[in-house]
PDB file of N, CA and C in Angstrom:
ATOM      1  N   MET A   1     143.808  82.512  77.805  1.00  0.00           N
ATOM      2  CA  MET A   1     143.757  83.945  77.595  1.00  0.00           C
ATOM      3  C   MET A   1     144.994  84.582  78.203  1.00  0.00           C
ATOM      4  N   ILE A   2     145.533  85.502  77.520  1.00  0.00           N
ATOM      5  CA  ILE A   2     146.719  86.193  77.992  1.00  0.00           C
ATOM      6  C   ILE A   2     146.303  87.353  78.884  1.00  0.00           C
ATOM      7  N   GLY A   3     146.919  87.428  80.050  1.00  0.00           N
ATOM      8  CA  GLY A   3     146.677  88.566  80.935  1.00  0.00           C
ATOM      9  C   GLY A   3     145.419  88.462  81.772  1.00  0.00           C
ATOM     10  N   THR A   4     144.792  87.317  81.799  1.00  0.00           N
ATOM     11  CA  THR A   4     143.600  87.161  82.626  1.00  0.00           C
ATOM     12  C   THR A   4     143.808  86.040  83.620  1.00  0.00           C
ATOM     13  N   LYS A   5     143.071  86.110  84.680  1.00  0.00           N
ATOM     14  CA  LYS A   5     143.158  85.095  85.725  1.00  0.00           C
ATOM     15  C   LYS A   5     141.786  84.445  85.859  1.00  0.00           C
ATOM     16  N   ALA A   6     141.752  83.137  85.788  1.00  0.00           N
ATOM     17  CA  ALA A   6     140.482  82.426  85.923  1.00  0.00           C
ATOM     18  C   ALA A   6     140.038  82.471  87.379  1.00  0.00           C
ATOM     19  N   ASP A   7     138.967  83.194  87.643  1.00  0.00           N
ATOM     20  CA  ASP A   7     138.418  83.312  88.992  1.00  0.00           C
ATOM     21  C   ASP A   7     136.908  83.479  88.855  1.00  0.00           C
ATOM     22  N   PRO A   8     136.196  82.371  88.547  1.00  0.00           N
ATOM     23  CA  PRO A   8     134.759  82.486  88.273  1.00  0.00           C
ATOM     24  C   PRO A   8     133.961  82.933  89.492  1.00  0.00           C
ATOM     25  N   ARG A   9     133.048  83.838  89.286  1.00  0.00           N
ATOM     26  CA  ARG A   9     132.160  84.328  90.334  1.00  0.00           C
ATOM     27  C   ARG A   9     130.775  84.549  89.728  1.00  0.00           C
ATOM     28  N   GLY A  10     129.815  84.802  90.585  1.00  0.00           N
ATOM     29  CA  GLY A  10     128.470  85.113  90.114  1.00  0.00           C
ATOM     30  C   GLY A  10     127.726  83.879  89.658  1.00  0.00           C
ATOM     31  N   ILE A  11     127.209  83.916  88.438  1.00  0.00           N
ATOM     32  CA  ILE A  11     126.357  82.841  87.948  1.00  0.00           C
ATOM     33  C   ILE A  11     127.112  81.530  87.798  1.00  0.00           C
ATOM     34  N   THR A  12     128.456  81.566  87.741  1.00  0.00           N
ATOM     35  CA  THR A  12     129.207  80.319  87.623  1.00  0.00           C
ATOM     36  C   THR A  12     129.429  79.645  88.971  1.00  0.00           C
ATOM     37  N   LYS A  13     129.109  80.329  90.043  1.00  0.00           N
ATOM     38  CA  LYS A  13     129.211  79.738  91.368  1.00  0.00           C
ATOM     39  C   LYS A  13     127.957  80.076  92.140  1.00  0.00           C
ATOM     40  N   PRO A  14     127.043  79.191  92.344  1.00  0.00           N
ATOM     41  CA  PRO A  14     127.090  77.774  92.017  1.00  0.00           C
ATOM     42  C   PRO A  14     126.966  77.522  90.511  1.00  0.00           C
ATOM     43  N   ALA A  15     127.457  76.381  90.093  1.00  0.00           N
ATOM     44  CA  ALA A  15     127.476  76.040  88.671  1.00  0.00           C
ATOM     45  C   ALA A  15     126.048  75.948  88.123  1.00  0.00           C
ATOM     46  N   ILE A  16     125.871  76.453  86.921  1.00  0.00           N
ATOM     47  CA  ILE A  16     124.544  76.474  86.300  1.00  0.00           C
ATOM     48  C   ILE A  16     123.992  75.059  86.133  1.00  0.00           C
ATOM     49  N   ASP A  17     124.855  74.092  85.857  1.00  0.00           N
ATOM     50  CA  ASP A  17     124.389  72.709  85.710  1.00  0.00           C
ATOM     51  C   ASP A  17     123.823  72.168  87.013  1.00  0.00           C
ATOM     52  N   ASP A  18     124.449  72.518  88.127  1.00  0.00           N
ATOM     53  CA  ASP A  18     123.935  72.105  89.434  1.00  0.00           C
ATOM     54  C   ASP A  18     122.580  72.736  89.704  1.00  0.00           C
ATOM     55  N   LEU A  19     122.443  74.003  89.343  1.00  0.00           N
ATOM     56  CA  LEU A  19     121.173  74.703  89.562  1.00  0.00           C
ATOM     57  C   LEU A  19     120.063  74.116  88.702  1.00  0.00           C
ATOM     58  N   LEU A  20     120.378  73.817  87.448  1.00  0.00           N
ATOM     59  CA  LEU A  20     119.357  73.282  86.545  1.00  0.00           C
ATOM     60  C   LEU A  20     118.891  71.890  86.953  1.00  0.00           C
ATOM     61  N   SER A  21     119.712  71.179  87.700  1.00  0.00           N
ATOM     62  CA  SER A  21     119.287  69.855  88.173  1.00  0.00           C
ATOM     63  C   SER A  21     118.255  69.966  89.298  1.00  0.00           C
ATOM     64  N   LYS A  22     118.086  71.156  89.851  1.00  0.00           N
ATOM     65  CA  LYS A  22     117.156  71.368  90.970  1.00  0.00           C
ATOM     66  C   LYS A  22     115.762  71.797  90.512  1.00  0.00           C
ATOM     67  N   VAL A  23     115.639  72.216  89.244  1.00  0.00           N
ATOM     68  CA  VAL A  23     114.364  72.736  88.729  1.00  0.00           C
ATOM     69  C   VAL A  23     114.042  72.084  87.386  1.00  0.00           C
ATOM     70  N   GLU A  24     112.838  72.356  86.895  1.00  0.00           N
ATOM     71  CA  GLU A  24     112.382  71.742  85.647  1.00  0.00           C
ATOM     72  C   GLU A  24     113.024  72.343  84.402  1.00  0.00           C
ATOM     73  N   SER A  25     113.292  73.667  84.425  1.00  0.00           N
ATOM     74  CA  SER A  25     113.823  74.329  83.232  1.00  0.00           C
ATOM     75  C   SER A  25     114.580  75.589  83.634  1.00  0.00           C
ATOM     76  N   LYS A  26     115.292  76.160  82.673  1.00  0.00           N
ATOM     77  CA  LYS A  26     116.023  77.388  82.957  1.00  0.00           C
ATOM     78  C   LYS A  26     115.060  78.547  83.212  1.00  0.00           C
ATOM     79  N   TYR A  27     113.884  78.482  82.645  1.00  0.00           N
ATOM     80  CA  TYR A  27     112.891  79.528  82.871  1.00  0.00           C
ATOM     81  C   TYR A  27     112.357  79.460  84.304  1.00  0.00           C
ATOM     82  N   THR A  28     112.133  78.250  84.784  1.00  0.00           N
ATOM     83  CA  THR A  28     111.709  78.067  86.167  1.00  0.00           C
ATOM     84  C   THR A  28     112.783  78.595  87.106  1.00  0.00           C
ATOM     85  N   LEU A  29     114.034  78.305  86.804  1.00  0.00           N
ATOM     86  CA  LEU A  29     115.137  78.794  87.621  1.00  0.00           C
ATOM     87  C   LEU A  29     115.167  80.312  87.654  1.00  0.00           C
ATOM     88  N   ALA A  30     114.960  80.946  86.508  1.00  0.00           N
ATOM     89  CA  ALA A  30     114.984  82.407  86.436  1.00  0.00           C
ATOM     90  C   ALA A  30     113.865  83.024  87.279  1.00  0.00           C
ATOM     91  N   VAL A  31     112.661  82.501  87.139  1.00  0.00           N
ATOM     92  CA  VAL A  31     111.519  83.048  87.883  1.00  0.00           C
ATOM     93  C   VAL A  31     111.655  82.773  89.372  1.00  0.00           C
ATOM     94  N   TYR A  32     112.040  81.564  89.705  1.00  0.00           N
ATOM     95  CA  TYR A  32     112.190  81.116  91.090  1.00  0.00           C
ATOM     96  C   TYR A  32     113.262  81.932  91.816  1.00  0.00           C
ATOM     97  N   SER A  33     114.420  82.081  91.184  1.00  0.00           N
ATOM     98  CA  SER A  33     115.505  82.814  91.825  1.00  0.00           C
ATOM     99  C   SER A  33     115.203  84.313  91.902  1.00  0.00           C
ATOM    100  N   ALA A  34     114.538  84.853  90.897  1.00  0.00           N
ATOM    101  CA  ALA A  34     114.189  86.274  90.925  1.00  0.00           C
ATOM    102  C   ALA A  34     113.181  86.572  92.040  1.00  0.00           C
ATOM    103  N   ALA A  35     112.208  85.674  92.218  1.00  0.00           N
ATOM    104  CA  ALA A  35     111.221  85.870  93.285  1.00  0.00           C
ATOM    105  C   ALA A  35     111.889  85.816  94.651  1.00  0.00           C
ATOM    106  N   ARG A  36     112.785  84.869  94.842  1.00  0.00           N
ATOM    107  CA  ARG A  36     113.486  84.764  96.127  1.00  0.00           C
ATOM    108  C   ARG A  36     114.404  85.960  96.348  1.00  0.00           C
ATOM    109  N   ALA A  37     115.070  86.437  95.293  1.00  0.00           N
ATOM    110  CA  ALA A  37     115.932  87.614  95.406  1.00  0.00           C
ATOM    111  C   ALA A  37     115.121  88.840  95.829  1.00  0.00           C
ATOM    112  N   ARG A  38     113.901  88.971  95.310  1.00  0.00           N
ATOM    113  CA  ARG A  38     113.038  90.094  95.726  1.00  0.00           C
ATOM    114  C   ARG A  38     112.676  89.987  97.199  1.00  0.00           C
ATOM    115  N   GLN A  39     112.437  88.765  97.677  1.00  0.00           N
ATOM    116  CA  GLN A  39     112.148  88.570  99.100  1.00  0.00           C
ATOM    117  C   GLN A  39     113.342  88.972  99.962  1.00  0.00           C
ATOM    118  N   ILE A  40     114.527  88.563  99.554  1.00  0.00           N
ATOM    119  CA  ILE A  40     115.732  88.909 100.316  1.00  0.00           C
ATOM    120  C   ILE A  40     115.938  90.417 100.308  1.00  0.00           C
ATOM    121  N   ASN A  41     115.735  91.044  99.166  1.00  0.00           N
ATOM    122  CA  ASN A  41     115.884  92.500  99.073  1.00  0.00           C
ATOM    123  C   ASN A  41     114.860  93.202  99.963  1.00  0.00           C
ATOM    124  N   SER A  42     113.621  92.725  99.968  1.00  0.00           N
ATOM    125  CA  SER A  42     112.591  93.311 100.825  1.00  0.00           C
ATOM    126  C   SER A  42     112.942  93.139 102.295  1.00  0.00           C
ATOM    127  N   TYR A  43     113.470  91.981 102.645  1.00  0.00           N
ATOM    128  CA  TYR A  43     113.902  91.739 104.029  1.00  0.00           C
ATOM    129  C   TYR A  43     114.969  92.758 104.439  1.00  0.00           C
ATOM    130  N   ARG A  44     115.929  92.987 103.563  1.00  0.00           N
ATOM    131  CA  ARG A  44     116.989  93.956 103.876  1.00  0.00           C
ATOM    132  C   ARG A  44     116.421  95.361 104.060  1.00  0.00           C
ATOM    133  N   GLN A  45     115.465  95.720 103.224  1.00  0.00           N
ATOM    134  CA  GLN A  45     114.838  97.043 103.358  1.00  0.00           C
ATOM    135  C   GLN A  45     114.074  97.150 104.673  1.00  0.00           C
ATOM    136  N   GLU A  46     113.387  96.080 105.049  1.00  0.00           N
ATOM    137  CA  GLU A  46     112.658  96.070 106.320  1.00  0.00           C
ATOM    138  C   GLU A  46     113.613  96.205 107.500  1.00  0.00           C
ATOM    139  N   MET A  47     114.766  95.545 107.417  1.00  0.00           N
ATOM    140  CA  MET A  47     115.746  95.638 108.496  1.00  0.00           C
ATOM    141  C   MET A  47     116.301  97.057 108.600  1.00  0.00           C
ATOM    142  N   LEU A  48     116.497  97.714 107.469  1.00  0.00           N
ATOM    143  CA  LEU A  48     117.020  99.078 107.471  1.00  0.00           C
ATOM    144  C   LEU A  48     116.007 100.082 107.996  1.00  0.00           C
ATOM    145  N   SER A  49     114.715  99.806 107.773  1.00  0.00           N
ATOM    146  CA  SER A  49     113.687 100.761 108.212  1.00  0.00           C
ATOM    147  C   SER A  49     113.626 100.845 109.735  1.00  0.00           C
ATOM    148  N   GLY A  50     113.944  99.747 110.410  1.00  0.00           N
ATOM    149  CA  GLY A  50     114.018  99.760 111.865  1.00  0.00           C
ATOM    150  C   GLY A  50     112.702  99.833 112.599  1.00  0.00           C
ATOM    151  N   ASP A  51     111.589  99.635 111.915  1.00  0.00           N
ATOM    152  CA  ASP A  51     110.293  99.739 112.591  1.00  0.00           C
ATOM    153  C   ASP A  51     109.849  98.418 113.234  1.00  0.00           C
ATOM    154  N   GLY A  52     110.625  97.358 113.056  1.00  0.00           N
ATOM    155  CA  GLY A  52     110.313  96.074 113.688  1.00  0.00           C
ATOM    156  C   GLY A  52     109.287  95.245 112.960  1.00  0.00           C
ATOM    157  N   ASN A  53     108.788  95.724 111.844  1.00  0.00           N
ATOM    158  CA  ASN A  53     107.781  95.001 111.073  1.00  0.00           C
ATOM    159  C   ASN A  53     108.483  94.177 109.995  1.00  0.00           C
ATOM    160  N   ILE A  54     108.825  92.932 110.313  1.00  0.00           N
ATOM    161  CA  ILE A  54     109.541  92.054 109.386  1.00  0.00           C
ATOM    162  C   ILE A  54     108.559  91.025 108.835  1.00  0.00           C
ATOM    163  N   THR A  55     108.320  91.057 107.523  1.00  0.00           N
ATOM    164  CA  THR A  55     107.372  90.138 106.902  1.00  0.00           C
ATOM    165  C   THR A  55     108.042  89.159 105.949  1.00  0.00           C
ATOM    166  N   ASN A  56     109.319  89.364 105.636  1.00  0.00           N
ATOM    167  CA  ASN A  56     110.034  88.487 104.717  1.00  0.00           C
ATOM    168  C   ASN A  56     111.132  87.732 105.453  1.00  0.00           C
ATOM    169  N   VAL A  57     111.528  86.600 104.892  1.00  0.00           N
ATOM    170  CA  VAL A  57     112.587  85.779 105.468  1.00  0.00           C
ATOM    171  C   VAL A  57     113.917  86.198 104.861  1.00  0.00           C
ATOM    172  N   GLY A  58     114.907  86.370 105.703  1.00  0.00           N
ATOM    173  CA  GLY A  58     116.237  86.760 105.250  1.00  0.00           C
ATOM    174  C   GLY A  58     116.979  85.612 104.607  1.00  0.00           C
ATOM    175  N   PRO A  59     118.218  85.839 104.215  1.00  0.00           N
ATOM    176  CA  PRO A  59     119.019  84.801 103.563  1.00  0.00           C
ATOM    177  C   PRO A  59     119.150  83.549 104.422  1.00  0.00           C
ATOM    178  N   LEU A  60     119.066  82.394 103.788  1.00  0.00           N
ATOM    179  CA  LEU A  60     119.168  81.111 104.476  1.00  0.00           C
ATOM    180  C   LEU A  60     120.574  80.523 104.382  1.00  0.00           C
ATOM    181  N   VAL A  61     121.477  81.254 103.757  1.00  0.00           N
ATOM    182  CA  VAL A  61     122.883  80.860 103.664  1.00  0.00           C
ATOM    183  C   VAL A  61     123.718  81.968 104.288  1.00  0.00           C
ATOM    184  N   PRO A  62     124.915  81.651 104.757  1.00  0.00           N
ATOM    185  CA  PRO A  62     125.762  82.705 105.335  1.00  0.00           C
ATOM    186  C   PRO A  62     125.982  83.834 104.327  1.00  0.00           C
ATOM    187  N   SER A  63     125.854  85.068 104.792  1.00  0.00           N
ATOM    188  CA  SER A  63     125.968  86.202 103.878  1.00  0.00           C
ATOM    189  C   SER A  63     126.473  87.427 104.616  1.00  0.00           C
ATOM    190  N   ASN A  64     126.827  88.436 103.829  1.00  0.00           N
ATOM    191  CA  ASN A  64     127.127  89.746 104.382  1.00  0.00           C
ATOM    192  C   ASN A  64     126.404  90.783 103.540  1.00  0.00           C
ATOM    193  N   SER A  65     126.506  92.022 103.908  1.00  0.00           N
ATOM    194  CA  SER A  65     125.727  93.065 103.243  1.00  0.00           C
ATOM    195  C   SER A  65     126.173  93.319 101.808  1.00  0.00           C
ATOM    196  N   ASP A  66     127.366  92.859 101.438  1.00  0.00           N
ATOM    197  CA  ASP A  66     127.853  93.064 100.075  1.00  0.00           C
ATOM    198  C   ASP A  66     127.317  92.034  99.085  1.00  0.00           C
ATOM    199  N   ASP A  67     126.775  90.933  99.578  1.00  0.00           N
ATOM    200  CA  ASP A  67     126.266  89.882  98.698  1.00  0.00           C
ATOM    201  C   ASP A  67     124.994  90.340  97.998  1.00  0.00           C
ATOM    202  N   LYS A  68     124.920  90.066  96.721  1.00  0.00           N
ATOM    203  CA  LYS A  68     123.742  90.424  95.936  1.00  0.00           C
ATOM    204  C   LYS A  68     122.602  89.444  96.232  1.00  0.00           C
ATOM    205  N   PRO A  69     121.364  89.953  96.305  1.00  0.00           N
ATOM    206  CA  PRO A  69     120.223  89.074  96.590  1.00  0.00           C
ATOM    207  C   PRO A  69     120.079  87.916  95.606  1.00  0.00           C
ATOM    208  N   LEU A  70     120.344  88.147  94.330  1.00  0.00           N
ATOM    209  CA  LEU A  70     120.212  87.067  93.351  1.00  0.00           C
ATOM    210  C   LEU A  70     121.267  85.984  93.586  1.00  0.00           C
ATOM    211  N   SER A  71     122.481  86.375  93.917  1.00  0.00           N
ATOM    212  CA  SER A  71     123.532  85.393  94.216  1.00  0.00           C
ATOM    213  C   SER A  71     123.153  84.554  95.423  1.00  0.00           C
ATOM    214  N   LEU A  72     122.580  85.201  96.440  1.00  0.00           N
ATOM    215  CA  LEU A  72     122.135  84.474  97.631  1.00  0.00           C
ATOM    216  C   LEU A  72     121.011  83.507  97.287  1.00  0.00           C
ATOM    217  N   ALA A  73     120.077  83.954  96.460  1.00  0.00           N
ATOM    218  CA  ALA A  73     118.964  83.094  96.062  1.00  0.00           C
ATOM    219  C   ALA A  73     119.467  81.862  95.318  1.00  0.00           C
ATOM    220  N   LEU A  74     120.421  82.045  94.425  1.00  0.00           N
ATOM    221  CA  LEU A  74     120.974  80.913  93.675  1.00  0.00           C
ATOM    222  C   LEU A  74     121.723  79.952  94.596  1.00  0.00           C
ATOM    223  N   GLU A  75     122.442  80.494  95.582  1.00  0.00           N
ATOM    224  CA  GLU A  75     123.128  79.628  96.544  1.00  0.00           C
ATOM    225  C   GLU A  75     122.117  78.827  97.369  1.00  0.00           C
ATOM    226  N   GLU A  76     121.017  79.471  97.752  1.00  0.00           N
ATOM    227  CA  GLU A  76     119.974  78.771  98.511  1.00  0.00           C
ATOM    228  C   GLU A  76     119.384  77.622  97.696  1.00  0.00           C
ATOM    229  N   ILE A  77     119.155  77.861  96.416  1.00  0.00           N
ATOM    230  CA  ILE A  77     118.608  76.821  95.548  1.00  0.00           C
ATOM    231  C   ILE A  77     119.613  75.678  95.415  1.00  0.00           C
ATOM    232  N   ALA A  78     120.878  76.011  95.216  1.00  0.00           N
ATOM    233  CA  ALA A  78     121.912  74.988  95.050  1.00  0.00           C
ATOM    234  C   ALA A  78     122.073  74.136  96.303  1.00  0.00           C
ATOM    235  N   GLU A  79     121.887  74.737  97.471  1.00  0.00           N
ATOM    236  CA  GLU A  79     122.059  74.014  98.737  1.00  0.00           C
ATOM    237  C   GLU A  79     120.753  73.397  99.250  1.00  0.00           C
ATOM    238  N   ASP A  80     119.725  73.383  98.410  1.00  0.00           N
ATOM    239  CA  ASP A  80     118.427  72.794  98.762  1.00  0.00           C
ATOM    240  C   ASP A  80     117.824  73.414 100.026  1.00  0.00           C
ATOM    241  N   LYS A  81     117.994  74.714 100.187  1.00  0.00           N
ATOM    242  CA  LYS A  81     117.413  75.405 101.340  1.00  0.00           C
ATOM    243  C   LYS A  81     115.959  75.803 101.082  1.00  0.00           C
ATOM    244  N   LEU A  82     115.530  75.722  99.839  1.00  0.00           N
ATOM    245  CA  LEU A  82     114.176  76.122  99.450  1.00  0.00           C
ATOM    246  C   LEU A  82     113.457  74.966  98.787  1.00  0.00           C
ATOM    247  N   ASN A  83     112.149  74.945  98.913  1.00  0.00           N
ATOM    248  CA  ASN A  83     111.313  73.966  98.229  1.00  0.00           C
ATOM    249  C   ASN A  83     110.408  74.701  97.254  1.00  0.00           C
ATOM    250  N   LEU A  84     110.485  74.346  95.997  1.00  0.00           N
ATOM    251  CA  LEU A  84     109.651  74.955  94.979  1.00  0.00           C
ATOM    252  C   LEU A  84     108.360  74.175  94.874  1.00  0.00           C
ATOM    253  N   GLU A  85     107.256  74.863  95.064  1.00  0.00           N
ATOM    254  CA  GLU A  85     105.936  74.252  94.908  1.00  0.00           C
ATOM    255  C   GLU A  85     105.206  74.982  93.800  1.00  0.00           C
ATOM    256  N   ILE A  86     104.889  74.260  92.752  1.00  0.00           N
ATOM    257  CA  ILE A  86     104.204  74.849  91.608  1.00  0.00           C
ATOM    258  C   ILE A  86     102.726  74.516  91.705  1.00  0.00           C
ATOM    259  N   SER A  87     101.893  75.554  91.697  1.00  0.00           N
ATOM    260  CA  SER A  87     100.451  75.311  91.734  1.00  0.00           C
ATOM    261  C   SER A  87      99.911  75.435  90.319  1.00  0.00           C
ATOM    262  N   HIS A  88      99.100  74.508  89.925  1.00  0.00           N
ATOM    263  CA  HIS A  88      98.507  74.497  88.592  1.00  0.00           C
ATOM    264  C   HIS A  88      97.061  74.965  88.719  1.00  0.00           C
ATOM    265  N   GLU A  89      96.893  76.265  88.672  1.00  0.00           N
ATOM    266  CA  GLU A  89      95.544  76.831  88.848  1.00  0.00           C
ATOM    267  C   GLU A  89      94.924  77.149  87.523  1.00  0.00           C
TER     268      GLU A  89
END
């Protein structure tokens, strides 16, 4: 491409192929990462409220306040920081 610089970010880091090797399907990855991203977002909101009532676990990978919760969730999955347990009820 003319005038562009290859600098992949977001869903390409970690690589989608690496992420898919950690779960059964792309749908599982979507649900799993979205649920974890909501937990991270809730944790951040709890930290901002300052009332000391923390019920969610924060990011398990190095992060800063500019990192998006979904990106953090995908990095956690890629680094095997989470265990997915599927219950068949």
